[in-house]
Amino acid sequence: MKENGLLDLDEFRAAIRPDTVLASVMAVNNEIGVIQDIDAIGKICREKGVIFHVDAAQATGKMPIDLTKLPVDLMSFSAHKTYGPKASARCTCAASRASAWKRRCTRRP
């Protein structure tokens, strides 16, 4: 992590081990306002065969979200952040990646 709160992409890439299955990143930090480079992080995860989850609770309305273009496997949202009901959330899964998840999650060490 850099001093400004952004993920250091080189450190992130180096931290992924052969047994890493999942990486989860907060797209927008609600305390310091940092917006992570989801596209770049997702590309590293794809390159390494790691499932990529994005917590987008703070991102709706603050950045464009197009799940057909972002290299994201799982993305979670919270309705109350965009004037929806409290305690209502959604986790969206990229169906096109389901077979890759199954292979990755059932792989034996």
PDB file of N, CA and C in Angstrom:
ATOM      1  N   MET A   1       0.841  -1.166   0.000  1.00  0.00           N
ATOM      2  CA  MET A   1       0.000   0.000   0.000  1.00  0.00           C
ATOM      3  C   MET A   1       0.890   1.234   0.000  1.00  0.00           C
ATOM      4  N   LYS A   2       0.537   2.178  -0.845  1.00  0.00           N
ATOM      5  CA  LYS A   2       1.278   3.433  -0.897  1.00  0.00           C
ATOM      6  C   LYS A   2       0.785   4.370   0.211  1.00  0.00           C
ATOM      7  N   GLU A   3       1.545   5.422   0.475  1.00  0.00           N
ATOM      8  CA  GLU A   3       1.164   6.392   1.505  1.00  0.00           C
ATOM      9  C   GLU A   3      -0.186   7.042   1.231  1.00  0.00           C
ATOM     10  N   ASN A   4      -0.533   7.188  -0.039  1.00  0.00           N
ATOM     11  CA  ASN A   4      -1.795   7.847  -0.387  1.00  0.00           C
ATOM     12  C   ASN A   4      -2.997   6.902  -0.321  1.00  0.00           C
ATOM     13  N   GLY A   5      -2.777   5.650   0.053  1.00  0.00           N
ATOM     14  CA  GLY A   5      -3.866   4.689   0.184  1.00  0.00           C
ATOM     15  C   GLY A   5      -4.101   3.825  -1.036  1.00  0.00           C
ATOM     16  N   LEU A   6      -3.408   4.124  -2.125  1.00  0.00           N
ATOM     17  CA  LEU A   6      -3.543   3.292  -3.324  1.00  0.00           C
ATOM     18  C   LEU A   6      -2.738   2.009  -3.181  1.00  0.00           C
ATOM     19  N   LEU A   7      -3.253   0.958  -3.745  1.00  0.00           N
ATOM     20  CA  LEU A   7      -2.550  -0.315  -3.741  1.00  0.00           C
ATOM     21  C   LEU A   7      -1.320  -0.219  -4.627  1.00  0.00           C
ATOM     22  N   ASP A   8      -0.173  -0.638  -4.134  1.00  0.00           N
ATOM     23  CA  ASP A   8       1.045  -0.684  -4.932  1.00  0.00           C
ATOM     24  C   ASP A   8       0.962  -1.942  -5.795  1.00  0.00           C
ATOM     25  N   LEU A   9       0.794  -1.770  -7.083  1.00  0.00           N
ATOM     26  CA  LEU A   9       0.553  -2.901  -7.984  1.00  0.00           C
ATOM     27  C   LEU A   9       1.713  -3.884  -8.043  1.00  0.00           C
ATOM     28  N   ASP A  10       2.942  -3.382  -7.957  1.00  0.00           N
ATOM     29  CA  ASP A  10       4.104  -4.284  -7.963  1.00  0.00           C
ATOM     30  C   ASP A  10       4.143  -5.121  -6.685  1.00  0.00           C
ATOM     31  N   GLU A  11       3.858  -4.496  -5.554  1.00  0.00           N
ATOM     32  CA  GLU A  11       3.816  -5.240  -4.286  1.00  0.00           C
ATOM     33  C   GLU A  11       2.674  -6.257  -4.300  1.00  0.00           C
ATOM     34  N   PHE A  12       1.545  -5.855  -4.848  1.00  0.00           N
ATOM     35  CA  PHE A  12       0.396  -6.756  -4.931  1.00  0.00           C
ATOM     36  C   PHE A  12       0.736  -7.982  -5.766  1.00  0.00           C
ATOM     37  N   ARG A  13       1.306  -7.760  -6.936  1.00  0.00           N
ATOM     38  CA  ARG A  13       1.695  -8.870  -7.817  1.00  0.00           C
ATOM     39  C   ARG A  13       2.676  -9.809  -7.105  1.00  0.00           C
ATOM     40  N   ALA A  14       3.639  -9.239  -6.405  1.00  0.00           N
ATOM     41  CA  ALA A  14       4.649 -10.035  -5.701  1.00  0.00           C
ATOM     42  C   ALA A  14       4.062 -10.794  -4.507  1.00  0.00           C
ATOM     43  N   ALA A  15       3.000 -10.277  -3.927  1.00  0.00           N
ATOM     44  CA  ALA A  15       2.405 -10.908  -2.743  1.00  0.00           C
ATOM     45  C   ALA A  15       1.540 -12.118  -3.086  1.00  0.00           C
ATOM     46  N   ILE A  16       1.129 -12.243  -4.336  1.00  0.00           N
ATOM     47  CA  ILE A  16       0.287 -13.373  -4.733  1.00  0.00           C
ATOM     48  C   ILE A  16       1.150 -14.634  -4.797  1.00  0.00           C
ATOM     49  N   ARG A  17       0.750 -15.608  -3.985  1.00  0.00           N
ATOM     50  CA  ARG A  17       1.482 -16.876  -3.922  1.00  0.00           C
ATOM     51  C   ARG A  17       0.779 -17.924  -4.789  1.00  0.00           C
ATOM     52  N   PRO A  18       1.439 -19.047  -5.053  1.00  0.00           N
ATOM     53  CA  PRO A  18       0.788 -20.094  -5.853  1.00  0.00           C
ATOM     54  C   PRO A  18      -0.507 -20.625  -5.229  1.00  0.00           C
ATOM     55  N   ASP A  19      -0.633 -20.539  -3.896  1.00  0.00           N
ATOM     56  CA  ASP A  19      -1.842 -21.030  -3.232  1.00  0.00           C
ATOM     57  C   ASP A  19      -2.872 -19.924  -2.969  1.00  0.00           C
ATOM     58  N   THR A  20      -2.654 -18.730  -3.499  1.00  0.00           N
ATOM     59  CA  THR A  20      -3.628 -17.652  -3.357  1.00  0.00           C
ATOM     60  C   THR A  20      -4.838 -17.956  -4.233  1.00  0.00           C
ATOM     61  N   VAL A  21      -6.021 -17.922  -3.643  1.00  0.00           N
ATOM     62  CA  VAL A  21      -7.249 -18.239  -4.357  1.00  0.00           C
ATOM     63  C   VAL A  21      -8.072 -16.985  -4.636  1.00  0.00           C
ATOM     64  N   LEU A  22      -8.095 -16.054  -3.687  1.00  0.00           N
ATOM     65  CA  LEU A  22      -8.988 -14.906  -3.772  1.00  0.00           C
ATOM     66  C   LEU A  22      -8.273 -13.631  -3.353  1.00  0.00           C
ATOM     67  N   ALA A  23      -8.535 -12.551  -4.075  1.00  0.00           N
ATOM     68  CA  ALA A  23      -8.096 -11.211  -3.677  1.00  0.00           C
ATOM     69  C   ALA A  23      -9.352 -10.355  -3.581  1.00  0.00           C
ATOM     70  N   SER A  24      -9.450  -9.554  -2.528  1.00  0.00           N
ATOM     71  CA  SER A  24     -10.607  -8.697  -2.326  1.00  0.00           C
ATOM     72  C   SER A  24     -10.126  -7.277  -2.082  1.00  0.00           C
ATOM     73  N   VAL A  25     -10.685  -6.328  -2.830  1.00  0.00           N
ATOM     74  CA  VAL A  25     -10.248  -4.941  -2.769  1.00  0.00           C
ATOM     75  C   VAL A  25     -11.462  -4.038  -2.630  1.00  0.00           C
ATOM     76  N   MET A  26     -11.325  -3.018  -1.812  1.00  0.00           N
ATOM     77  CA  MET A  26     -12.351  -1.988  -1.670  1.00  0.00           C
ATOM     78  C   MET A  26     -12.153  -0.987  -2.807  1.00  0.00           C
ATOM     79  N   ALA A  27     -13.131  -0.835  -3.685  1.00  0.00           N
ATOM     80  CA  ALA A  27     -12.978   0.037  -4.857  1.00  0.00           C
ATOM     81  C   ALA A  27     -12.776   1.494  -4.463  1.00  0.00           C
ATOM     82  N   VAL A  28     -13.597   1.979  -3.547  1.00  0.00           N
ATOM     83  CA  VAL A  28     -13.513   3.360  -3.079  1.00  0.00           C
ATOM     84  C   VAL A  28     -13.471   3.336  -1.561  1.00  0.00           C
ATOM     85  N   ASN A  29     -12.479   3.978  -0.986  1.00  0.00           N
ATOM     86  CA  ASN A  29     -12.367   4.026   0.465  1.00  0.00           C
ATOM     87  C   ASN A  29     -13.246   5.143   1.002  1.00  0.00           C
ATOM     88  N   ASN A  30     -14.143   4.800   1.922  1.00  0.00           N
ATOM     89  CA  ASN A  30     -15.091   5.774   2.445  1.00  0.00           C
ATOM     90  C   ASN A  30     -14.471   6.770   3.423  1.00  0.00           C
ATOM     91  N   GLU A  31     -13.269   6.508   3.900  1.00  0.00           N
ATOM     92  CA  GLU A  31     -12.650   7.424   4.858  1.00  0.00           C
ATOM     93  C   GLU A  31     -11.690   8.406   4.206  1.00  0.00           C
ATOM     94  N   ILE A  32     -10.911   7.943   3.227  1.00  0.00           N
ATOM     95  CA  ILE A  32      -9.926   8.849   2.607  1.00  0.00           C
ATOM     96  C   ILE A  32     -10.237   9.146   1.141  1.00  0.00           C
ATOM     97  N   GLY A  33     -11.254   8.486   0.588  1.00  0.00           N
ATOM     98  CA  GLY A  33     -11.710   8.806  -0.761  1.00  0.00           C
ATOM     99  C   GLY A  33     -10.892   8.245  -1.899  1.00  0.00           C
ATOM    100  N   VAL A  34      -9.947   7.375  -1.612  1.00  0.00           N
ATOM    101  CA  VAL A  34      -9.104   6.795  -2.658  1.00  0.00           C
ATOM    102  C   VAL A  34      -9.925   5.873  -3.556  1.00  0.00           C
ATOM    103  N   ILE A  35      -9.702   5.978  -4.857  1.00  0.00           N
ATOM    104  CA  ILE A  35     -10.332   5.090  -5.834  1.00  0.00           C
ATOM    105  C   ILE A  35      -9.243   4.196  -6.426  1.00  0.00           C
ATOM    106  N   GLN A  36      -9.346   2.888  -6.169  1.00  0.00           N
ATOM    107  CA  GLN A  36      -8.345   1.935  -6.638  1.00  0.00           C
ATOM    108  C   GLN A  36      -8.472   1.714  -8.146  1.00  0.00           C
ATOM    109  N   ASP A  37      -7.390   1.300  -8.773  1.00  0.00           N
ATOM    110  CA  ASP A  37      -7.373   0.987 -10.202  1.00  0.00           C
ATOM    111  C   ASP A  37      -7.864  -0.453 -10.380  1.00  0.00           C
ATOM    112  N   ILE A  38      -9.175  -0.607 -10.403  1.00  0.00           N
ATOM    113  CA  ILE A  38      -9.792  -1.937 -10.458  1.00  0.00           C
ATOM    114  C   ILE A  38      -9.398  -2.684 -11.719  1.00  0.00           C
ATOM    115  N   ASP A  39      -9.298  -1.989 -12.831  1.00  0.00           N
ATOM    116  CA  ASP A  39      -8.917  -2.633 -14.089  1.00  0.00           C
ATOM    117  C   ASP A  39      -7.519  -3.248 -13.988  1.00  0.00           C
ATOM    118  N   ALA A  40      -6.562  -2.497 -13.491  1.00  0.00           N
ATOM    119  CA  ALA A  40      -5.176  -2.993 -13.381  1.00  0.00           C
ATOM    120  C   ALA A  40      -5.074  -4.134 -12.370  1.00  0.00           C
ATOM    121  N   ILE A  41      -5.753  -4.004 -11.241  1.00  0.00           N
ATOM    122  CA  ILE A  41      -5.714  -5.060 -10.218  1.00  0.00           C
ATOM    123  C   ILE A  41      -6.351  -6.330 -10.773  1.00  0.00           C
ATOM    124  N   GLY A  42      -7.471  -6.170 -11.469  1.00  0.00           N
ATOM    125  CA  GLY A  42      -8.150  -7.322 -12.062  1.00  0.00           C
ATOM    126  C   GLY A  42      -7.300  -8.038 -13.100  1.00  0.00           C
ATOM    127  N   LYS A  43      -6.565  -7.273 -13.882  1.00  0.00           N
ATOM    128  CA  LYS A  43      -5.689  -7.892 -14.888  1.00  0.00           C
ATOM    129  C   LYS A  43      -4.585  -8.713 -14.225  1.00  0.00           C
ATOM    130  N   ILE A  44      -4.057  -8.229 -13.116  1.00  0.00           N
ATOM    131  CA  ILE A  44      -3.037  -8.995 -12.380  1.00  0.00           C
ATOM    132  C   ILE A  44      -3.656 -10.288 -11.858  1.00  0.00           C
ATOM    133  N   CYS A  45      -4.860 -10.194 -11.314  1.00  0.00           N
ATOM    134  CA  CYS A  45      -5.536 -11.391 -10.802  1.00  0.00           C
ATOM    135  C   CYS A  45      -5.782 -12.406 -11.910  1.00  0.00           C
ATOM    136  N   ARG A  46      -6.211 -11.948 -13.069  1.00  0.00           N
ATOM    137  CA  ARG A  46      -6.433 -12.862 -14.196  1.00  0.00           C
ATOM    138  C   ARG A  46      -5.119 -13.518 -14.618  1.00  0.00           C
ATOM    139  N   GLU A  47      -4.081 -12.717 -14.679  1.00  0.00           N
ATOM    140  CA  GLU A  47      -2.751 -13.213 -15.063  1.00  0.00           C
ATOM    141  C   GLU A  47      -2.274 -14.306 -14.099  1.00  0.00           C
ATOM    142  N   LYS A  48      -2.611 -14.157 -12.818  1.00  0.00           N
ATOM    143  CA  LYS A  48      -2.162 -15.100 -11.781  1.00  0.00           C
ATOM    144  C   LYS A  48      -3.186 -16.198 -11.490  1.00  0.00           C
ATOM    145  N   GLY A  49      -4.361 -16.141 -12.136  1.00  0.00           N
ATOM    146  CA  GLY A  49      -5.391 -17.153 -11.901  1.00  0.00           C
ATOM    147  C   GLY A  49      -6.075 -17.023 -10.553  1.00  0.00           C
ATOM    148  N   VAL A  50      -6.193 -15.795 -10.057  1.00  0.00           N
ATOM    149  CA  VAL A  50      -6.787 -15.533  -8.752  1.00  0.00           C
ATOM    150  C   VAL A  50      -8.185 -14.948  -8.932  1.00  0.00           C
ATOM    151  N   ILE A  51      -9.145 -15.433  -8.166  1.00  0.00           N
ATOM    152  CA  ILE A  51     -10.499 -14.890  -8.184  1.00  0.00           C
ATOM    153  C   ILE A  51     -10.439 -13.482  -7.586  1.00  0.00           C
ATOM    154  N   PHE A  52     -11.106 -12.531  -8.232  1.00  0.00           N
ATOM    155  CA  PHE A  52     -11.048 -11.134  -7.815  1.00  0.00           C
ATOM    156  C   PHE A  52     -12.414 -10.626  -7.377  1.00  0.00           C
ATOM    157  N   HIS A  53     -12.510 -10.245  -6.103  1.00  0.00           N
ATOM    158  CA  HIS A  53     -13.728  -9.654  -5.536  1.00  0.00           C
ATOM    159  C   HIS A  53     -13.500  -8.167  -5.310  1.00  0.00           C
ATOM    160  N   VAL A  54     -14.501  -7.372  -5.639  1.00  0.00           N
ATOM    161  CA  VAL A  54     -14.444  -5.931  -5.405  1.00  0.00           C
ATOM    162  C   VAL A  54     -15.611  -5.534  -4.514  1.00  0.00           C
ATOM    163  N   ASP A  55     -15.289  -4.880  -3.404  1.00  0.00           N
ATOM    164  CA  ASP A  55     -16.304  -4.285  -2.545  1.00  0.00           C
ATOM    165  C   ASP A  55     -16.620  -2.923  -3.154  1.00  0.00           C
ATOM    166  N   ALA A  56     -17.770  -2.817  -3.780  1.00  0.00           N
ATOM    167  CA  ALA A  56     -18.139  -1.591  -4.485  1.00  0.00           C
ATOM    168  C   ALA A  56     -19.210  -0.797  -3.744  1.00  0.00           C
ATOM    169  N   ALA A  57     -19.362  -1.041  -2.442  1.00  0.00           N
ATOM    170  CA  ALA A  57     -20.392  -0.356  -1.663  1.00  0.00           C
ATOM    171  C   ALA A  57     -20.273   1.163  -1.772  1.00  0.00           C
ATOM    172  N   GLN A  58     -19.059   1.670  -1.750  1.00  0.00           N
ATOM    173  CA  GLN A  58     -18.842   3.118  -1.815  1.00  0.00           C
ATOM    174  C   GLN A  58     -18.678   3.621  -3.247  1.00  0.00           C
ATOM    175  N   ALA A  59     -18.606   2.715  -4.202  1.00  0.00           N
ATOM    176  CA  ALA A  59     -18.270   3.098  -5.580  1.00  0.00           C
ATOM    177  C   ALA A  59     -19.467   3.552  -6.413  1.00  0.00           C
ATOM    178  N   THR A  60     -20.653   3.050  -6.108  1.00  0.00           N
ATOM    179  CA  THR A  60     -21.809   3.395  -6.941  1.00  0.00           C
ATOM    180  C   THR A  60     -22.048   4.896  -6.914  1.00  0.00           C
ATOM    181  N   GLY A  61     -22.140   5.462  -8.094  1.00  0.00           N
ATOM    182  CA  GLY A  61     -22.337   6.892  -8.227  1.00  0.00           C
ATOM    183  C   GLY A  61     -21.064   7.713  -8.194  1.00  0.00           C
ATOM    184  N   LYS A  62     -19.936   7.064  -7.902  1.00  0.00           N
ATOM    185  CA  LYS A  62     -18.664   7.782  -7.814  1.00  0.00           C
ATOM    186  C   LYS A  62     -17.688   7.407  -8.923  1.00  0.00           C
ATOM    187  N   MET A  63     -17.947   6.292  -9.564  1.00  0.00           N
ATOM    188  CA  MET A  63     -17.100   5.822 -10.658  1.00  0.00           C
ATOM    189  C   MET A  63     -17.938   4.968 -11.591  1.00  0.00           C
ATOM    190  N   PRO A  64     -17.561   4.912 -12.868  1.00  0.00           N
ATOM    191  CA  PRO A  64     -18.323   4.046 -13.790  1.00  0.00           C
ATOM    192  C   PRO A  64     -18.097   2.575 -13.442  1.00  0.00           C
ATOM    193  N   ILE A  65     -19.170   1.800 -13.464  1.00  0.00           N
ATOM    194  CA  ILE A  65     -19.086   0.362 -13.191  1.00  0.00           C
ATOM    195  C   ILE A  65     -19.737  -0.366 -14.357  1.00  0.00           C
ATOM    196  N   ASP A  66     -18.919  -1.034 -15.149  1.00  0.00           N
ATOM    197  CA  ASP A  66     -19.407  -1.823 -16.276  1.00  0.00           C
ATOM    198  C   ASP A  66     -18.797  -3.214 -16.148  1.00  0.00           C
ATOM    199  N   LEU A  67     -19.577  -4.132 -15.618  1.00  0.00           N
ATOM    200  CA  LEU A  67     -19.062  -5.475 -15.362  1.00  0.00           C
ATOM    201  C   LEU A  67     -18.794  -6.276 -16.620  1.00  0.00           C
ATOM    202  N   THR A  68     -19.226  -5.771 -17.775  1.00  0.00           N
ATOM    203  CA  THR A  68     -18.885  -6.452 -19.027  1.00  0.00           C
ATOM    204  C   THR A  68     -17.476  -6.072 -19.475  1.00  0.00           C
ATOM    205  N   LYS A  69     -16.929  -5.008 -18.906  1.00  0.00           N
ATOM    206  CA  LYS A  69     -15.596  -4.548 -19.301  1.00  0.00           C
ATOM    207  C   LYS A  69     -14.536  -4.724 -18.220  1.00  0.00           C
ATOM    208  N   LEU A  70     -14.931  -4.688 -16.958  1.00  0.00           N
ATOM    209  CA  LEU A  70     -13.957  -4.813 -15.867  1.00  0.00           C
ATOM    210  C   LEU A  70     -13.573  -6.274 -15.647  1.00  0.00           C
ATOM    211  N   PRO A  71     -12.297  -6.563 -15.402  1.00  0.00           N
ATOM    212  CA  PRO A  71     -11.869  -7.934 -15.113  1.00  0.00           C
ATOM    213  C   PRO A  71     -12.129  -8.288 -13.645  1.00  0.00           C
ATOM    214  N   VAL A  72     -13.411  -8.369 -13.310  1.00  0.00           N
ATOM    215  CA  VAL A  72     -13.858  -8.624 -11.940  1.00  0.00           C
ATOM    216  C   VAL A  72     -14.676  -9.911 -11.937  1.00  0.00           C
ATOM    217  N   ASP A  73     -14.443 -10.761 -10.939  1.00  0.00           N
ATOM    218  CA  ASP A  73     -15.202 -12.004 -10.832  1.00  0.00           C
ATOM    219  C   ASP A  73     -16.420 -11.854  -9.929  1.00  0.00           C
ATOM    220  N   LEU A  74     -16.240 -11.157  -8.826  1.00  0.00           N
ATOM    221  CA  LEU A  74     -17.308 -10.934  -7.851  1.00  0.00           C
ATOM    222  C   LEU A  74     -17.316  -9.463  -7.470  1.00  0.00           C
ATOM    223  N   MET A  75     -18.510  -8.872  -7.378  1.00  0.00           N
ATOM    224  CA  MET A  75     -18.600  -7.479  -6.949  1.00  0.00           C
ATOM    225  C   MET A  75     -19.791  -7.349  -6.024  1.00  0.00           C
ATOM    226  N   SER A  76     -19.561  -6.771  -4.853  1.00  0.00           N
ATOM    227  CA  SER A  76     -20.651  -6.588  -3.900  1.00  0.00           C
ATOM    228  C   SER A  76     -21.018  -5.116  -3.781  1.00  0.00           C
ATOM    229  N   PHE A  77     -22.322  -4.896  -3.567  1.00  0.00           N
ATOM    230  CA  PHE A  77     -22.892  -3.550  -3.466  1.00  0.00           C
ATOM    231  C   PHE A  77     -23.752  -3.480  -2.212  1.00  0.00           C
ATOM    232  N   SER A  78     -23.956  -2.290  -1.702  1.00  0.00           N
ATOM    233  CA  SER A  78     -24.843  -2.069  -0.568  1.00  0.00           C
ATOM    234  C   SER A  78     -25.880  -1.023  -0.970  1.00  0.00           C
ATOM    235  N   ALA A  79     -27.147  -1.356  -0.857  1.00  0.00           N
ATOM    236  CA  ALA A  79     -28.218  -0.490  -1.345  1.00  0.00           C
ATOM    237  C   ALA A  79     -28.296   0.839  -0.594  1.00  0.00           C
ATOM    238  N   HIS A  80     -28.047   0.834   0.702  1.00  0.00           N
ATOM    239  CA  HIS A  80     -28.246   2.067   1.474  1.00  0.00           C
ATOM    240  C   HIS A  80     -27.262   3.178   1.099  1.00  0.00           C
ATOM    241  N   LYS A  81     -26.201   2.847   0.387  1.00  0.00           N
ATOM    242  CA  LYS A  81     -25.246   3.865  -0.056  1.00  0.00           C
ATOM    243  C   LYS A  81     -25.793   4.689  -1.220  1.00  0.00           C
ATOM    244  N   THR A  82     -26.841   4.175  -1.869  1.00  0.00           N
ATOM    245  CA  THR A  82     -27.466   4.912  -2.979  1.00  0.00           C
ATOM    246  C   THR A  82     -28.968   5.040  -2.731  1.00  0.00           C
ATOM    247  N   TYR A  83     -29.325   5.376  -1.497  1.00  0.00           N
ATOM    248  CA  TYR A  83     -30.689   5.676  -1.075  1.00  0.00           C
ATOM    249  C   TYR A  83     -31.631   4.474  -1.141  1.00  0.00           C
ATOM    250  N   GLY A  84     -31.081   3.286  -1.100  1.00  0.00           N
ATOM    251  CA  GLY A  84     -31.897   2.083  -1.036  1.00  0.00           C
ATOM    252  C   GLY A  84     -32.140   1.689   0.412  1.00  0.00           C
ATOM    253  N   PRO A  85     -32.852   0.596   0.635  1.00  0.00           N
ATOM    254  CA  PRO A  85     -33.143   0.166   2.004  1.00  0.00           C
ATOM    255  C   PRO A  85     -31.886  -0.344   2.722  1.00  0.00           C
ATOM    256  N   LYS A  86     -31.813  -0.075   4.022  1.00  0.00           N
ATOM    257  CA  LYS A  86     -30.694  -0.575   4.822  1.00  0.00           C
ATOM    258  C   LYS A  86     -30.775  -2.093   4.908  1.00  0.00           C
ATOM    259  N   ALA A  87     -29.622  -2.698   5.099  1.00  0.00           N
ATOM    260  CA  ALA A  87     -29.481  -4.156   5.234  1.00  0.00           C
ATOM    261  C   ALA A  87     -29.827  -4.890   3.935  1.00  0.00           C
ATOM    262  N   SER A  88     -29.778  -4.181   2.813  1.00  0.00           N
ATOM    263  CA  SER A  88     -30.023  -4.800   1.520  1.00  0.00           C
ATOM    264  C   SER A  88     -28.731  -4.711   0.703  1.00  0.00           C
ATOM    265  N   ALA A  89     -28.270  -5.851   0.222  1.00  0.00           N
ATOM    266  CA  ALA A  89     -27.009  -5.880  -0.512  1.00  0.00           C
ATOM    267  C   ALA A  89     -27.113  -6.855  -1.673  1.00  0.00           C
ATOM    268  N   ARG A  90     -26.093  -6.818  -2.520  1.00  0.00           N
ATOM    269  CA  ARG A  90     -26.050  -7.709  -3.671  1.00  0.00           C
ATOM    270  C   ARG A  90     -24.603  -8.095  -3.939  1.00  0.00           C
ATOM    271  N   CYS A  91     -24.407  -9.339  -4.298  1.00  0.00           N
ATOM    272  CA  CYS A  91     -23.105  -9.796  -4.759  1.00  0.00           C
ATOM    273  C   CYS A  91     -23.313 -10.331  -6.170  1.00  0.00           C
ATOM    274  N   THR A  92     -22.650  -9.713  -7.125  1.00  0.00           N
ATOM    275  CA  THR A  92     -22.789 -10.098  -8.528  1.00  0.00           C
ATOM    276  C   THR A  92     -21.612 -10.973  -8.919  1.00  0.00           C
ATOM    277  N   CYS A  93     -21.908 -12.069  -9.586  1.00  0.00           N
ATOM    278  CA  CYS A  93     -20.878 -13.012 -10.009  1.00  0.00           C
ATOM    279  C   CYS A  93     -20.808 -13.045 -11.534  1.00  0.00           C
ATOM    280  N   ALA A  94     -19.607 -13.066 -12.058  1.00  0.00           N
ATOM    281  CA  ALA A  94     -19.411 -13.158 -13.503  1.00  0.00           C
ATOM    282  C   ALA A  94     -19.568 -14.617 -13.917  1.00  0.00           C
ATOM    283  N   ALA A  95     -20.705 -14.952 -14.504  1.00  0.00           N
ATOM    284  CA  ALA A  95     -21.004 -16.331 -14.877  1.00  0.00           C
ATOM    285  C   ALA A  95     -19.975 -16.908 -15.838  1.00  0.00           C
ATOM    286  N   SER A  96     -19.386 -16.057 -16.658  1.00  0.00           N
ATOM    287  CA  SER A  96     -18.406 -16.529 -17.637  1.00  0.00           C
ATOM    288  C   SER A  96     -17.148 -17.070 -16.960  1.00  0.00           C
ATOM    289  N   ARG A  97     -16.955 -16.760 -15.674  1.00  0.00           N
ATOM    290  CA  ARG A  97     -15.763 -17.210 -14.957  1.00  0.00           C
ATOM    291  C   ARG A  97     -16.036 -18.389 -14.027  1.00  0.00           C
ATOM    292  N   ALA A  98     -17.266 -18.898 -13.990  1.00  0.00           N
ATOM    293  CA  ALA A  98     -17.646 -19.936 -13.039  1.00  0.00           C
ATOM    294  C   ALA A  98     -16.777 -21.185 -13.139  1.00  0.00           C
ATOM    295  N   SER A  99     -16.480 -21.645 -14.343  1.00  0.00           N
ATOM    296  CA  SER A  99     -15.664 -22.858 -14.472  1.00  0.00           C
ATOM    297  C   SER A  99     -14.243 -22.625 -13.981  1.00  0.00           C
ATOM    298  N   ALA A 100     -13.722 -21.420 -14.191  1.00  0.00           N
ATOM    299  CA  ALA A 100     -12.383 -21.098 -13.686  1.00  0.00           C
ATOM    300  C   ALA A 100     -12.372 -21.098 -12.163  1.00  0.00           C
ATOM    301  N   TRP A 101     -13.436 -20.601 -11.541  1.00  0.00           N
ATOM    302  CA  TRP A 101     -13.503 -20.593 -10.072  1.00  0.00           C
ATOM    303  C   TRP A 101     -13.527 -22.013  -9.554  1.00  0.00           C
ATOM    304  N   LYS A 102     -14.338 -22.848 -10.198  1.00  0.00           N
ATOM    305  CA  LYS A 102     -14.462 -24.238  -9.734  1.00  0.00           C
ATOM    306  C   LYS A 102     -13.107 -24.933  -9.796  1.00  0.00           C
ATOM    307  N   ARG A 103     -12.393 -24.769 -10.908  1.00  0.00           N
ATOM    308  CA  ARG A 103     -11.065 -25.386 -11.025  1.00  0.00           C
ATOM    309  C   ARG A 103     -10.131 -24.843  -9.950  1.00  0.00           C
ATOM    310  N   ARG A 104     -10.147 -23.556  -9.738  1.00  0.00           N
ATOM    311  CA  ARG A 104      -9.229 -22.914  -8.804  1.00  0.00           C
ATOM    312  C   ARG A 104      -9.538 -23.305  -7.365  1.00  0.00           C
ATOM    313  N   CYS A 105     -10.823 -23.361  -7.013  1.00  0.00           N
ATOM    314  CA  CYS A 105     -11.203 -23.628  -5.640  1.00  0.00           C
ATOM    315  C   CYS A 105     -11.126 -25.093  -5.259  1.00  0.00           C
ATOM    316  N   THR A 106     -11.121 -25.984  -6.241  1.00  0.00           N
ATOM    317  CA  THR A 106     -11.038 -27.414  -5.932  1.00  0.00           C
ATOM    318  C   THR A 106      -9.645 -27.964  -6.157  1.00  0.00           C
ATOM    319  N   ARG A 107      -8.715 -27.111  -6.554  1.00  0.00           N
ATOM    320  CA  ARG A 107      -7.340 -27.547  -6.797  1.00  0.00           C
ATOM    321  C   ARG A 107      -6.702 -27.977  -5.479  1.00  0.00           C
ATOM    322  N   ARG A 108      -6.036 -29.060  -5.505  1.00  0.00           N
ATOM    323  CA  ARG A 108      -5.352 -29.586  -4.316  1.00  0.00           C
ATOM    324  C   ARG A 108      -3.909 -29.104  -4.298  1.00  0.00           C
ATOM    325  N   PRO A 109      -3.397 -28.796  -3.091  1.00  0.00           N
ATOM    326  CA  PRO A 109      -1.983 -28.348  -3.002  1.00  0.00           C
ATOM    327  C   PRO A 109      -1.000 -29.447  -3.349  1.00  0.00           C
TER     328      PRO A 109
END
